[in-house]
Protein backbone atom coordinates (compact mmCIF):
# COMPACT_ATOMS: atom_id res chain seq x y z
CA MET A 1 -17.58 2.46 1.17
CA VAL A 2 -17.11 -0.85 -0.59
CA GLN A 3 -17.48 1.14 -4.16
CA LEU A 4 -14.99 3.71 -3.27
CA ALA A 5 -12.84 0.60 -2.15
CA GLY A 6 -13.61 -0.78 -5.42
CA LEU A 7 -11.72 1.88 -7.49
CA LEU A 8 -8.34 0.88 -5.73
CA LYS A 9 -5.76 -1.35 -7.58
CA LYS A 10 -4.88 -4.42 -5.54
CA GLY A 11 -7.24 -2.93 -2.72
CA ARG A 12 -7.78 -5.39 0.18
CA LEU A 13 -9.85 -5.02 3.43
CA VAL A 14 -7.17 -4.45 6.23
CA ASN A 15 -9.57 -3.88 9.02
CA GLU A 16 -12.93 -4.05 10.41
CA ASN A 17 -12.54 -3.05 13.94
CA ARG A 18 -15.54 -1.48 15.60
CA GLY A 19 -17.57 -1.89 12.62
CA PHE A 20 -15.15 0.52 10.56
CA LEU A 21 -13.99 -1.24 7.67
CA THR A 22 -10.73 0.03 5.97
CA TYR A 23 -9.09 -0.73 2.65
CA THR A 24 -5.55 -0.13 1.36
CA GLY A 25 -4.45 -0.24 -2.19
CA GLU A 26 -3.28 2.18 -5.05
CA TYR A 27 -4.84 4.80 -6.93
CA ASP A 28 -3.14 6.32 -9.66
CA GLY A 29 0.02 4.76 -8.78
CA LYS A 30 -0.09 6.18 -4.91
CA SER A 31 -0.98 4.09 -1.98
CA VAL A 32 -4.26 4.92 -0.90
CA THR A 33 -6.21 4.04 2.07
CA VAL A 34 -10.14 4.64 2.39
CA GLY A 35 -12.04 3.95 5.52
CA CYS A 36 -15.36 4.74 7.28
CA HIS A 37 -15.95 6.44 10.59
CA GLY A 38 -19.36 5.90 11.69
CA ILE A 39 -21.18 8.59 12.77
CA GLY A 40 -20.48 11.89 14.95
CA GLY A 41 -17.12 13.82 16.27
CA PRO A 42 -15.63 11.14 18.77
CA SER A 43 -15.74 8.19 16.18
CA VAL A 44 -14.20 10.89 13.66
CA ALA A 45 -11.55 11.69 16.14
CA ILE A 46 -10.83 7.99 16.86
CA VAL A 47 -10.24 7.39 13.25
CA VAL A 48 -8.40 10.10 12.28
CA GLU A 49 -5.86 9.91 15.19
CA GLU A 50 -5.40 5.70 14.44
CA LEU A 51 -4.66 6.90 10.68
CA VAL A 52 -2.18 9.71 11.51
CA MET A 53 -0.47 7.15 14.01
CA LEU A 54 -0.04 4.50 11.03
CA GLY A 55 1.61 7.27 9.12
CA ALA A 56 -1.39 9.46 6.84
CA ARG A 57 -0.14 12.61 5.79
CA ALA A 58 -3.50 13.76 4.32
CA ILE A 59 -6.94 13.33 5.15
CA VAL A 60 -9.76 13.78 2.76
CA ARG A 61 -13.30 13.44 4.44
CA LEU A 62 -16.34 12.01 2.02
CA GLY A 63 -20.01 12.48 2.87
CA SER A 64 -23.43 14.13 2.76
CA CYS A 65 -22.75 17.60 3.69
CA GLY A 66 -25.52 19.59 1.95
CA GLY A 67 -27.39 16.51 0.79
CA LEU A 68 -30.69 18.03 1.67
CA LEU A 69 -30.29 21.05 -0.28
CA LYS A 70 -32.28 21.36 -3.40
CA PRO A 71 -29.50 22.77 -5.80
CA MET A 72 -27.05 19.91 -4.62
CA ARG A 73 -26.54 16.92 -7.07
CA VAL A 74 -24.88 13.69 -6.47
CA GLY A 75 -21.22 13.82 -6.94
CA ASP A 76 -21.17 18.41 -6.36
CA MET A 77 -18.23 19.09 -4.35
CA VAL A 78 -18.89 21.10 -0.95
CA ILE A 79 -16.02 23.07 0.53
CA VAL A 80 -16.68 23.89 3.75
CA THR A 81 -15.45 27.21 5.02
CA ASN A 82 -17.06 27.42 8.70
CA ALA A 83 -19.52 25.98 10.68
CA GLY A 84 -21.32 29.00 12.20
CA TYR A 85 -25.20 29.66 12.74
């Protein structure tokens, strides 16, 4: 999280509530906020709802999806199309 926030120009810590760090700054001339949401759906729901209430128009989640699959490499992008079995 701190590494990602380090990519922001004029980045500053704006929230630490419940241990969910949130940083705001600029990236490529645009205002960007990055935050962590902990583990599990309920904490994701809380953070996403709060970000939307604060004006978020687009939310992108970065995480470890596929991290245990041998073909995956650090930095690979996964675009999930379903969550079926």
